[in-house]
Amino acid sequence: MALFSQKTRMMFLFLILPCMVSAPAAWASDWQMTFDVSVPDTNADGGVLVSRLEAGSMSTATDGYDNDADVLALPEGPVQAAFTHESETTYPASLQLLWRDMRGRTLPQHWTIKVNSFQSTAPVTVGWGSPPSIGSDACHTGSIRLQDQTSGQLIDLSGSPYSYASTGTSGSPETRYFVLTVESVVQNAPDVPSGLMSRSRKGGIRLKWAANSETDLGGYHVWRSLVSGSGYERLTTAPVLENRYADQATATGMTYYYVVTAMGANGCESGFSQQTVAIAK
């Protein structure tokens, strides 16, 4: 994608082919969502200069830089819009502003759009195409939302384009961030289990937590990871009915991190409990 003259629209193209590896609710098989960030410009085609972004996901993309999935943004013109990774340590400084981000294979996902505007007399308008259909089922509700982080306003994606008055100038541009969130919200599920504790003994690690109060509870699942806060794998093939569990598949000296979830009789599962950690004896 090349940068053309001021009389040509400046386009940011972001084409996504999604493949959800593991998601609690179904997504459309292929989806993308277009954003047009624009300002009036008498030198541009049609009197409006537009930067275009398209959000989505690709199954082959990684958290690092991929030539086929990530393209550098062009920081030129009176309005500049790009997906930003300024908080990402996996991207070198030269790659922190990207047109594309195809890492959205699991839920929830958050895309941060950085908009720099240089025209104080012209409103900046953010428009969009039809939001993707994030599937809902008996246990989840699909949700997609856009928020102006500067004003805190939640933008109605079923409504009109969103405009704001820029305070930027050619010497001092205004920077504004928008966050696109795509998630699957749990519904009709039991409460998250509480009070999870662990105790290491010879022959394994014993877990215990407070019993849920639901009368239609189907049991609990126990999850374990070798790192804190992520990477949990389920240990229980079927829900356990009691609020305790003994993990005997441990290795002496290894550190294990555990969480539990509650299962309803309707098949809906709660979120993860608070984590507990134990070192196997």
C-alpha atoms as a PDB file:
ATOM      1  CA  MET A   1       0.000   0.000   0.000  1.00  0.00           C
ATOM      2  CA  ALA A   2       1.583   3.260  -1.090  1.00  0.00           C
ATOM      3  CA  LEU A   3       1.093   6.815   0.114  1.00  0.00           C
ATOM      4  CA  PHE A   4      -0.426   8.921  -2.707  1.00  0.00           C
ATOM      5  CA  SER A   5      -0.810  12.681  -3.228  1.00  0.00           C
ATOM      6  CA  GLN A   6      -3.121  14.796  -1.118  1.00  0.00           C
ATOM      7  CA  LYS A   7      -5.700  14.583  -3.883  1.00  0.00           C
ATOM      8  CA  THR A   8      -5.884  10.835  -3.352  1.00  0.00           C
ATOM      9  CA  ARG A   9      -7.605   9.123  -0.448  1.00  0.00           C
ATOM     10  CA  MET A  10      -5.155   7.596   1.959  1.00  0.00           C
ATOM     11  CA  MET A  11      -6.371   4.084   2.669  1.00  0.00           C
ATOM     12  CA  PHE A  12      -5.381   1.660   5.413  1.00  0.00           C
ATOM     13  CA  LEU A  13      -6.500  -1.849   4.458  1.00  0.00           C
ATOM     14  CA  PHE A  14      -6.718  -4.574   7.061  1.00  0.00           C
ATOM     15  CA  LEU A  15      -8.062  -7.842   5.652  1.00  0.00           C
ATOM     16  CA  ILE A  16      -8.837 -10.624   8.101  1.00  0.00           C
ATOM     17  CA  LEU A  17      -9.621 -14.295   7.712  1.00  0.00           C
ATOM     18  CA  PRO A  18     -10.645 -15.624  11.134  1.00  0.00           C
ATOM     19  CA  CYS A  19     -10.404 -19.104  12.496  1.00  0.00           C
ATOM     20  CA  MET A  20     -11.454 -19.552  16.080  1.00  0.00           C
ATOM     21  CA  VAL A  21      -9.440 -22.321  17.671  1.00  0.00           C
ATOM     22  CA  SER A  22     -11.295 -22.398  20.946  1.00  0.00           C
ATOM     23  CA  ALA A  23     -14.199 -20.095  21.704  1.00  0.00           C
ATOM     24  CA  PRO A  24     -17.237 -20.516  23.936  1.00  0.00           C
ATOM     25  CA  ALA A  25     -19.601 -19.085  21.315  1.00  0.00           C
ATOM     26  CA  ALA A  26     -19.673 -19.457  17.549  1.00  0.00           C
ATOM     27  CA  TRP A  27     -18.309 -16.768  15.247  1.00  0.00           C
ATOM     28  CA  ALA A  28     -19.177 -16.224  11.636  1.00  0.00           C
ATOM     29  CA  SER A  29     -16.812 -18.357   9.552  1.00  0.00           C
ATOM     30  CA  ASP A  30     -15.219 -15.276   7.973  1.00  0.00           C
ATOM     31  CA  TRP A  31     -15.561 -11.721   9.197  1.00  0.00           C
ATOM     32  CA  GLN A  32     -13.966  -8.345   9.154  1.00  0.00           C
ATOM     33  CA  MET A  33     -15.036  -4.898  10.315  1.00  0.00           C
ATOM     34  CA  THR A  34     -14.098  -1.697   8.520  1.00  0.00           C
ATOM     35  CA  PHE A  35     -13.357   1.624  10.231  1.00  0.00           C
ATOM     36  CA  ASP A  36     -13.000   4.888   8.302  1.00  0.00           C
ATOM     37  CA  VAL A  37     -11.318   7.728  10.223  1.00  0.00           C
ATOM     38  CA  SER A  38     -11.791  10.924   8.221  1.00  0.00           C
ATOM     39  CA  VAL A  39     -11.431  14.710   8.203  1.00  0.00           C
ATOM     40  CA  PRO A  40     -12.612  17.296   5.644  1.00  0.00           C
ATOM     41  CA  ASP A  41      -9.811  18.104   3.223  1.00  0.00           C
ATOM     42  CA  THR A  42     -10.312  20.276   0.151  1.00  0.00           C
ATOM     43  CA  ASN A  43      -7.294  18.640  -1.517  1.00  0.00           C
ATOM     44  CA  ALA A  44      -8.647  15.089  -1.147  1.00  0.00           C
ATOM     45  CA  ASP A  45     -11.000  13.265  -3.480  1.00  0.00           C
ATOM     46  CA  GLY A  46     -14.578  14.168  -2.583  1.00  0.00           C
ATOM     47  CA  GLY A  47     -13.347  16.735  -0.077  1.00  0.00           C
ATOM     48  CA  VAL A  48     -12.746  14.092   2.604  1.00  0.00           C
ATOM     49  CA  LEU A  49      -9.487  12.371   3.521  1.00  0.00           C
ATOM     50  CA  VAL A  50      -9.973   8.879   4.902  1.00  0.00           C
ATOM     51  CA  SER A  51      -7.751   6.409   6.724  1.00  0.00           C
ATOM     52  CA  ARG A  52      -9.243   2.922   6.625  1.00  0.00           C
ATOM     53  CA  LEU A  53      -8.739   0.087   9.106  1.00  0.00           C
ATOM     54  CA  GLU A  54     -10.295  -3.357   9.066  1.00  0.00           C
ATOM     55  CA  ALA A  55     -10.272  -5.498  12.223  1.00  0.00           C
ATOM     56  CA  GLY A  56     -10.598  -9.256  12.580  1.00  0.00           C
ATOM     57  CA  SER A  57      -8.490 -12.364  13.088  1.00  0.00           C
ATOM     58  CA  MET A  58      -6.293 -14.931  11.347  1.00  0.00           C
ATOM     59  CA  SER A  59      -5.508 -18.415  12.663  1.00  0.00           C
ATOM     60  CA  THR A  60      -1.868 -18.353  11.528  1.00  0.00           C
ATOM     61  CA  ALA A  61      -0.938 -14.999  13.089  1.00  0.00           C
ATOM     62  CA  THR A  62       1.294 -14.797  16.138  1.00  0.00           C
ATOM     63  CA  ASP A  63       2.006 -12.214  18.817  1.00  0.00           C
ATOM     64  CA  GLY A  64       5.189 -11.317  16.983  1.00  0.00           C
ATOM     65  CA  TYR A  65       5.532  -9.555  13.645  1.00  0.00           C
ATOM     66  CA  ASP A  66       4.261 -11.526  10.646  1.00  0.00           C
ATOM     67  CA  ASN A  67       4.873 -10.250   7.113  1.00  0.00           C
ATOM     68  CA  ASP A  68       1.602 -11.730   5.878  1.00  0.00           C
ATOM     69  CA  ALA A  69      -0.451 -10.538   8.859  1.00  0.00           C
ATOM     70  CA  ASP A  70       1.007  -7.198   9.961  1.00  0.00           C
ATOM     71  CA  VAL A  71       1.713  -4.141   7.828  1.00  0.00           C
ATOM     72  CA  LEU A  72       3.378  -0.934   8.986  1.00  0.00           C
ATOM     73  CA  ALA A  73       1.171   2.150   9.173  1.00  0.00           C
ATOM     74  CA  LEU A  74       2.093   5.294   7.280  1.00  0.00           C
ATOM     75  CA  PRO A  75       2.370   8.207   9.762  1.00  0.00           C
ATOM     76  CA  GLU A  76       1.522  10.927   7.252  1.00  0.00           C
ATOM     77  CA  GLY A  77      -1.357  13.283   6.466  1.00  0.00           C
ATOM     78  CA  PRO A  78      -3.777  15.457   8.488  1.00  0.00           C
ATOM     79  CA  VAL A  79      -5.343  12.424  10.157  1.00  0.00           C
ATOM     80  CA  GLN A  80      -3.483   9.221  10.976  1.00  0.00           C
ATOM     81  CA  ALA A  81      -5.183   6.065  12.197  1.00  0.00           C
ATOM     82  CA  ALA A  82      -3.483   2.792  13.070  1.00  0.00           C
ATOM     83  CA  PHE A  83      -3.773  -0.176  15.369  1.00  0.00           C
ATOM     84  CA  THR A  84      -1.178   0.403  18.048  1.00  0.00           C
ATOM     85  CA  HIS A  85       0.952  -1.979  20.042  1.00  0.00           C
ATOM     86  CA  GLU A  86       2.783   0.569  22.142  1.00  0.00           C
ATOM     87  CA  SER A  87       2.297  -1.574  25.264  1.00  0.00           C
ATOM     88  CA  GLU A  88       3.490  -4.749  23.530  1.00  0.00           C
ATOM     89  CA  THR A  89       7.001  -5.867  24.412  1.00  0.00           C
ATOM     90  CA  THR A  90       6.943  -8.400  21.561  1.00  0.00           C
ATOM     91  CA  TYR A  91       7.018  -5.630  18.934  1.00  0.00           C
ATOM     92  CA  PRO A  92      10.145  -3.522  18.346  1.00  0.00           C
ATOM     93  CA  ALA A  93       9.631   0.224  18.418  1.00  0.00           C
ATOM     94  CA  SER A  94       9.584   0.469  14.616  1.00  0.00           C
ATOM     95  CA  LEU A  95       6.633  -1.923  14.459  1.00  0.00           C
ATOM     96  CA  GLN A  96       4.473  -0.532  17.252  1.00  0.00           C
ATOM     97  CA  LEU A  97       2.058   1.111  14.824  1.00  0.00           C
ATOM     98  CA  LEU A  98       0.442  -1.439  12.538  1.00  0.00           C
ATOM     99  CA  TRP A  99      -2.350  -1.343   9.998  1.00  0.00           C
ATOM    100  CA  ARG A 100      -3.198  -4.931  10.756  1.00  0.00           C
ATOM    101  CA  ASP A 101      -3.644  -7.042  13.843  1.00  0.00           C
ATOM    102  CA  MET A 102      -4.731 -10.587  13.119  1.00  0.00           C
ATOM    103  CA  ARG A 103      -4.263 -12.108  16.533  1.00  0.00           C
ATOM    104  CA  GLY A 104      -7.962 -12.233  17.414  1.00  0.00           C
ATOM    105  CA  ARG A 105      -8.407 -16.000  17.588  1.00  0.00           C
ATOM    106  CA  THR A 106      -9.707 -16.265  21.153  1.00  0.00           C
ATOM    107  CA  LEU A 107     -12.108 -14.234  23.261  1.00  0.00           C
ATOM    108  CA  PRO A 108     -12.054 -11.614  24.590  1.00  0.00           C
ATOM    109  CA  GLN A 109     -10.018  -9.526  22.152  1.00  0.00           C
ATOM    110  CA  HIS A 110      -9.140  -5.837  22.380  1.00  0.00           C
ATOM    111  CA  TRP A 111      -7.916  -3.683  19.507  1.00  0.00           C
ATOM    112  CA  THR A 112      -6.578  -0.202  20.287  1.00  0.00           C
ATOM    113  CA  ILE A 113      -6.904   2.367  17.505  1.00  0.00           C
ATOM    114  CA  LYS A 114      -4.662   5.421  17.776  1.00  0.00           C
ATOM    115  CA  VAL A 115      -5.831   8.545  15.938  1.00  0.00           C
ATOM    116  CA  ASN A 116      -3.581  11.568  15.453  1.00  0.00           C
ATOM    117  CA  SER A 117      -5.295  14.683  14.070  1.00  0.00           C
ATOM    118  CA  PHE A 118      -3.618  17.889  12.933  1.00  0.00           C
ATOM    119  CA  GLN A 119      -6.604  20.108  11.992  1.00  0.00           C
ATOM    120  CA  SER A 120      -8.231  21.983  14.862  1.00  0.00           C
ATOM    121  CA  THR A 121     -10.906  23.488  12.620  1.00  0.00           C
ATOM    122  CA  ALA A 122     -12.123  20.163  11.213  1.00  0.00           C
ATOM    123  CA  PRO A 123     -14.132  17.469  12.998  1.00  0.00           C
ATOM    124  CA  VAL A 124     -12.724  13.956  13.046  1.00  0.00           C
ATOM    125  CA  THR A 125     -15.286  11.298  12.158  1.00  0.00           C
ATOM    126  CA  VAL A 126     -15.068   7.592  12.901  1.00  0.00           C
ATOM    127  CA  GLY A 127     -17.399   5.482  10.774  1.00  0.00           C
ATOM    128  CA  TRP A 128     -17.712   1.729  10.435  1.00  0.00           C
ATOM    129  CA  GLY A 129     -19.189  -1.078   8.431  1.00  0.00           C
ATOM    130  CA  SER A 130     -21.536  -3.712   9.811  1.00  0.00           C
ATOM    131  CA  PRO A 131     -20.199  -5.242  13.046  1.00  0.00           C
ATOM    132  CA  PRO A 132     -19.418  -8.977  12.833  1.00  0.00           C
ATOM    133  CA  SER A 133     -21.906 -11.444  14.245  1.00  0.00           C
ATOM    134  CA  ILE A 134     -20.449 -12.829  17.466  1.00  0.00           C
ATOM    135  CA  GLY A 135     -22.520 -15.921  18.154  1.00  0.00           C
ATOM    136  CA  SER A 136     -24.689 -16.433  21.222  1.00  0.00           C
ATOM    137  CA  ASP A 137     -25.878 -19.662  22.756  1.00  0.00           C
ATOM    138  CA  ALA A 138     -27.549 -20.849  25.961  1.00  0.00           C
ATOM    139  CA  CYS A 139     -24.440 -19.967  27.983  1.00  0.00           C
ATOM    140  CA  HIS A 140     -22.940 -16.963  26.194  1.00  0.00           C
ATOM    141  CA  THR A 141     -23.902 -13.667  24.605  1.00  0.00           C
ATOM    142  CA  GLY A 142     -21.725 -12.261  21.845  1.00  0.00           C
ATOM    143  CA  SER A 143     -20.705  -8.639  22.337  1.00  0.00           C
ATOM    144  CA  ILE A 144     -18.759  -6.099  20.295  1.00  0.00           C
ATOM    145  CA  ARG A 145     -18.269  -2.488  21.406  1.00  0.00           C
ATOM    146  CA  LEU A 146     -16.175   0.583  20.682  1.00  0.00           C
ATOM    147  CA  GLN A 147     -15.186   3.160  23.306  1.00  0.00           C
ATOM    148  CA  ASP A 148     -13.591   6.585  23.051  1.00  0.00           C
ATOM    149  CA  GLN A 149     -10.940   6.351  25.758  1.00  0.00           C
ATOM    150  CA  THR A 150     -10.507  10.146  25.933  1.00  0.00           C
ATOM    151  CA  SER A 151     -14.146  10.989  26.643  1.00  0.00           C
ATOM    152  CA  GLY A 152     -15.086   7.595  28.085  1.00  0.00           C
ATOM    153  CA  GLN A 153     -18.078   7.444  25.737  1.00  0.00           C
ATOM    154  CA  LEU A 154     -19.311   4.041  24.624  1.00  0.00           C
ATOM    155  CA  ILE A 155     -20.104   4.317  20.921  1.00  0.00           C
ATOM    156  CA  ASP A 156     -23.265   2.725  19.547  1.00  0.00           C
ATOM    157  CA  LEU A 157     -22.103   0.620  16.597  1.00  0.00           C
ATOM    158  CA  SER A 158     -25.685   0.324  15.364  1.00  0.00           C
ATOM    159  CA  GLY A 159     -25.985   4.110  15.128  1.00  0.00           C
ATOM    160  CA  SER A 160     -24.535   7.007  13.177  1.00  0.00           C
ATOM    161  CA  PRO A 161     -20.804   7.674  12.675  1.00  0.00           C
ATOM    162  CA  TYR A 162     -19.054   9.195  15.686  1.00  0.00           C
ATOM    163  CA  SER A 163     -17.530  12.673  15.413  1.00  0.00           C
ATOM    164  CA  TYR A 164     -15.481  14.810  17.764  1.00  0.00           C
ATOM    165  CA  ALA A 165     -13.874  18.239  17.614  1.00  0.00           C
ATOM    166  CA  SER A 166     -10.123  17.954  17.292  1.00  0.00           C
ATOM    167  CA  THR A 167      -7.838  20.283  19.201  1.00  0.00           C
ATOM    168  CA  GLY A 168      -4.796  19.291  17.173  1.00  0.00           C
ATOM    169  CA  THR A 169      -2.627  21.584  15.097  1.00  0.00           C
ATOM    170  CA  SER A 170       0.153  20.953  12.628  1.00  0.00           C
ATOM    171  CA  GLY A 171       2.685  21.656  15.356  1.00  0.00           C
ATOM    172  CA  SER A 172       0.866  19.856  18.151  1.00  0.00           C
ATOM    173  CA  PRO A 173      -1.373  16.979  17.023  1.00  0.00           C
ATOM    174  CA  GLU A 174      -4.148  15.629  19.219  1.00  0.00           C
ATOM    175  CA  THR A 175      -3.868  11.935  20.042  1.00  0.00           C
ATOM    176  CA  ARG A 176      -7.004   9.978  20.856  1.00  0.00           C
ATOM    177  CA  TYR A 177      -7.443   6.260  21.492  1.00  0.00           C
ATOM    178  CA  PHE A 178     -10.416   4.051  20.712  1.00  0.00           C
ATOM    179  CA  VAL A 179     -10.729   0.494  22.009  1.00  0.00           C
ATOM    180  CA  LEU A 180     -12.654  -2.163  20.104  1.00  0.00           C
ATOM    181  CA  THR A 181     -13.643  -5.074  22.347  1.00  0.00           C
ATOM    182  CA  VAL A 182     -14.996  -8.378  21.057  1.00  0.00           C
ATOM    183  CA  GLU A 183     -16.062 -10.865  23.695  1.00  0.00           C
ATOM    184  CA  SER A 184     -18.429 -13.622  24.626  1.00  0.00           C
ATOM    185  CA  VAL A 185     -20.148 -12.794  27.914  1.00  0.00           C
ATOM    186  CA  VAL A 186     -21.050 -15.730  30.152  1.00  0.00           C
ATOM    187  CA  GLN A 187     -24.744 -15.993  31.060  1.00  0.00           C
ATOM    188  CA  ASN A 188     -26.939 -18.540  32.846  1.00  0.00           C
ATOM    189  CA  ALA A 189     -23.852 -19.950  34.547  1.00  0.00           C
ATOM    190  CA  PRO A 190     -23.221 -20.766  38.220  1.00  0.00           C
ATOM    191  CA  ASP A 191     -21.330 -18.343  40.417  1.00  0.00           C
ATOM    192  CA  VAL A 192     -17.546 -18.448  40.220  1.00  0.00           C
ATOM    193  CA  PRO A 193     -16.271 -20.742  43.012  1.00  0.00           C
ATOM    194  CA  SER A 194     -14.572 -18.961  45.912  1.00  0.00           C
ATOM    195  CA  GLY A 195     -12.147 -19.802  48.699  1.00  0.00           C
ATOM    196  CA  LEU A 196      -9.854 -22.068  46.677  1.00  0.00           C
ATOM    197  CA  MET A 197      -6.942 -23.357  48.791  1.00  0.00           C
ATOM    198  CA  SER A 198      -4.187 -25.881  48.145  1.00  0.00           C
ATOM    199  CA  ARG A 199      -2.030 -28.074  50.370  1.00  0.00           C
ATOM    200  CA  SER A 200       0.967 -30.090  49.249  1.00  0.00           C
ATOM    201  CA  ARG A 201       1.438 -33.547  50.734  1.00  0.00           C
ATOM    202  CA  LYS A 202       3.429 -36.587  49.772  1.00  0.00           C
ATOM    203  CA  GLY A 203       1.701 -38.225  46.872  1.00  0.00           C
ATOM    204  CA  GLY A 204      -0.019 -35.140  45.525  1.00  0.00           C
ATOM    205  CA  ILE A 205      -1.622 -31.756  46.053  1.00  0.00           C
ATOM    206  CA  ARG A 206      -5.014 -31.431  47.688  1.00  0.00           C
ATOM    207  CA  LEU A 207      -7.437 -28.688  46.754  1.00  0.00           C
ATOM    208  CA  LYS A 208     -10.511 -27.420  48.559  1.00  0.00           C
ATOM    209  CA  TRP A 209     -12.938 -24.560  47.971  1.00  0.00           C
ATOM    210  CA  ALA A 210     -16.244 -23.220  49.253  1.00  0.00           C
ATOM    211  CA  ALA A 211     -19.286 -25.085  47.978  1.00  0.00           C
ATOM    212  CA  ASN A 212     -21.561 -23.196  45.587  1.00  0.00           C
ATOM    213  CA  SER A 213     -25.108 -22.512  46.725  1.00  0.00           C
ATOM    214  CA  GLU A 214     -26.944 -23.318  43.475  1.00  0.00           C
ATOM    215  CA  THR A 215     -29.467 -26.141  43.797  1.00  0.00           C
ATOM    216  CA  ASP A 216     -29.026 -27.183  40.163  1.00  0.00           C
ATOM    217  CA  LEU A 217     -25.226 -27.393  40.264  1.00  0.00           C
ATOM    218  CA  GLY A 218     -23.719 -30.080  38.050  1.00  0.00           C
ATOM    219  CA  GLY A 219     -20.289 -30.140  39.739  1.00  0.00           C
ATOM    220  CA  TYR A 220     -16.854 -28.577  39.358  1.00  0.00           C
ATOM    221  CA  HIS A 221     -13.942 -28.756  36.964  1.00  0.00           C
ATOM    222  CA  VAL A 222     -10.331 -28.411  38.144  1.00  0.00           C
ATOM    223  CA  TRP A 223      -7.721 -26.720  35.969  1.00  0.00           C
ATOM    224  CA  ARG A 224      -3.922 -26.628  36.314  1.00  0.00           C
ATOM    225  CA  SER A 225      -1.043 -24.687  34.775  1.00  0.00           C
ATOM    226  CA  LEU A 226       2.740 -24.531  35.079  1.00  0.00           C
ATOM    227  CA  VAL A 227       2.660 -20.713  34.791  1.00  0.00           C
ATOM    228  CA  SER A 228       0.757 -18.173  36.821  1.00  0.00           C
ATOM    229  CA  GLY A 229      -2.398 -16.660  35.395  1.00  0.00           C
ATOM    230  CA  SER A 230      -2.730 -18.495  32.089  1.00  0.00           C
ATOM    231  CA  GLY A 231      -2.282 -21.779  30.242  1.00  0.00           C
ATOM    232  CA  TYR A 232      -4.687 -23.780  32.413  1.00  0.00           C
ATOM    233  CA  GLU A 233      -5.479 -27.328  31.318  1.00  0.00           C
ATOM    234  CA  ARG A 234      -8.470 -29.216  32.662  1.00  0.00           C
ATOM    235  CA  LEU A 235      -7.645 -32.146  34.939  1.00  0.00           C
ATOM    236  CA  THR A 236     -11.191 -33.461  35.392  1.00  0.00           C
ATOM    237  CA  THR A 237     -12.780 -35.413  32.554  1.00  0.00           C
ATOM    238  CA  ALA A 238     -16.196 -35.112  34.193  1.00  0.00           C
ATOM    239  CA  PRO A 239     -17.367 -32.615  36.834  1.00  0.00           C
ATOM    240  CA  VAL A 240     -16.531 -33.612  40.404  1.00  0.00           C
ATOM    241  CA  LEU A 241     -19.494 -33.376  42.770  1.00  0.00           C
ATOM    242  CA  GLU A 242     -17.617 -32.514  45.967  1.00  0.00           C
ATOM    243  CA  ASN A 243     -15.806 -29.248  46.619  1.00  0.00           C
ATOM    244  CA  ARG A 244     -12.425 -30.934  46.915  1.00  0.00           C
ATOM    245  CA  TYR A 245      -9.931 -32.627  44.630  1.00  0.00           C
ATOM    246  CA  ALA A 246      -6.610 -34.483  44.937  1.00  0.00           C
ATOM    247  CA  ASP A 247      -4.095 -34.013  42.146  1.00  0.00           C
ATOM    248  CA  GLN A 248      -1.820 -37.031  42.275  1.00  0.00           C
ATOM    249  CA  ALA A 249      -0.141 -36.493  38.896  1.00  0.00           C
ATOM    250  CA  THR A 250       2.538 -34.182  40.275  1.00  0.00           C
ATOM    251  CA  ALA A 251       6.347 -34.175  40.272  1.00  0.00           C
ATOM    252  CA  THR A 252       8.380 -33.378  43.369  1.00  0.00           C
ATOM    253  CA  GLY A 253       9.635 -29.795  43.425  1.00  0.00           C
ATOM    254  CA  MET A 254       7.373 -28.603  40.629  1.00  0.00           C
ATOM    255  CA  THR A 255       5.179 -25.537  41.120  1.00  0.00           C
ATOM    256  CA  TYR A 256       1.539 -25.843  40.026  1.00  0.00           C
ATOM    257  CA  TYR A 257      -1.161 -23.201  39.649  1.00  0.00           C
ATOM    258  CA  TYR A 258      -4.824 -24.159  40.014  1.00  0.00           C
ATOM    259  CA  VAL A 259      -8.252 -22.687  39.365  1.00  0.00           C
ATOM    260  CA  VAL A 260     -11.700 -24.273  39.463  1.00  0.00           C
ATOM    261  CA  THR A 261     -14.951 -23.647  37.599  1.00  0.00           C
ATOM    262  CA  ALA A 262     -18.530 -24.553  38.456  1.00  0.00           C
ATOM    263  CA  MET A 263     -20.819 -26.374  36.020  1.00  0.00           C
ATOM    264  CA  GLY A 264     -24.569 -25.889  35.968  1.00  0.00           C
ATOM    265  CA  ALA A 265     -26.986 -28.719  35.268  1.00  0.00           C
ATOM    266  CA  ASN A 266     -27.797 -26.842  32.051  1.00  0.00           C
ATOM    267  CA  GLY A 267     -24.193 -27.295  30.876  1.00  0.00           C
ATOM    268  CA  CYS A 268     -23.143 -23.674  31.407  1.00  0.00           C
ATOM    269  CA  GLU A 269     -19.748 -23.163  33.058  1.00  0.00           C
ATOM    270  CA  SER A 270     -18.634 -20.314  35.301  1.00  0.00           C
ATOM    271  CA  GLY A 271     -15.458 -18.346  34.893  1.00  0.00           C
ATOM    272  CA  PHE A 272     -12.213 -19.274  36.629  1.00  0.00           C
ATOM    273  CA  SER A 273     -11.924 -18.963  40.373  1.00  0.00           C
ATOM    274  CA  GLN A 274      -9.117 -17.134  42.085  1.00  0.00           C
ATOM    275  CA  GLN A 275      -5.834 -18.960  41.544  1.00  0.00           C
ATOM    276  CA  THR A 276      -3.991 -20.971  44.168  1.00  0.00           C
ATOM    277  CA  VAL A 277      -0.409 -22.210  43.949  1.00  0.00           C
ATOM    278  CA  ALA A 278       1.421 -25.185  45.478  1.00  0.00           C
ATOM    279  CA  ILE A 279       4.845 -26.833  45.225  1.00  0.00           C
ATOM    280  CA  ALA A 280       4.650 -30.619  45.027  1.00  0.00           C
ATOM    281  CA  LYS A 281       6.473 -32.635  47.689  1.00  0.00           C
END
